[in-house]
Amino acid sequence: MSYKPLTSENVKDFKNFKYNEFKCHCGGKYCNGFPVAFSYDLANNLQKLRSHFGRAVHITSPIRCEKWNSKQGGTKNSKHKKGWAVDFYVSGKSYNTLASSVKKLPYFHYCYRVKKNQNVIHYDITPPEYKEVEYYIVKKGDTLTKIAKKFNTTVGHLVSWNNIKNPNLIKVGQKLRVI
């Protein structure tokens, strides 16, 4: 997975959203509702909008499976199919107000008005690269330089992630965060 996925557990980080609000609207006709994971960062940005406006964010089109995207007239490379796009509106807020706000959010990629004379906005992101945290147990003969090379990182990152006071002193059996 190249981005942090929204899950039924971490959606609890967002007080105004429930996991099912992000599922495909095909109603189970073509998929199980989550053909891909929705982006955690996109959900986080929607929560920021909710908090900023003090009003509900109404999601009209979240994740889409291939068939539902096609039925909706979506493009072949739609970010809805990757979990990186959403169509939504906020009651009482114009398209221009919403567009201005989403353009200031992290990972903004693109937005447009879904239909003329409506305030529904399509908003998509380019999510950051996401890697699960990984650990390594120090073996005899290891150095931070060797470990950094092995995991394609830097000695500086290893020192920072592991609060190492002396980079020349690591112990066999020591558990180190490497990613």
Foldseek 3Di string as FASTA:
>chain_A
DFADFDDQPCLVVQVQDHPQQQFAPPVPPPHPRPPDGAGPLVSVLLSVVCVVVVFDKRWPGHAHDPVRCVVVVHDPPDCSPHNFKTKTATPPDALVRVVVSLVPGPQWDDKDDPDPPDRIMITGGDHHGDDDWDKDFDAPPDALCVLCVVLVHDSVVQCVQVVPPDSRDDDGRDITTRD
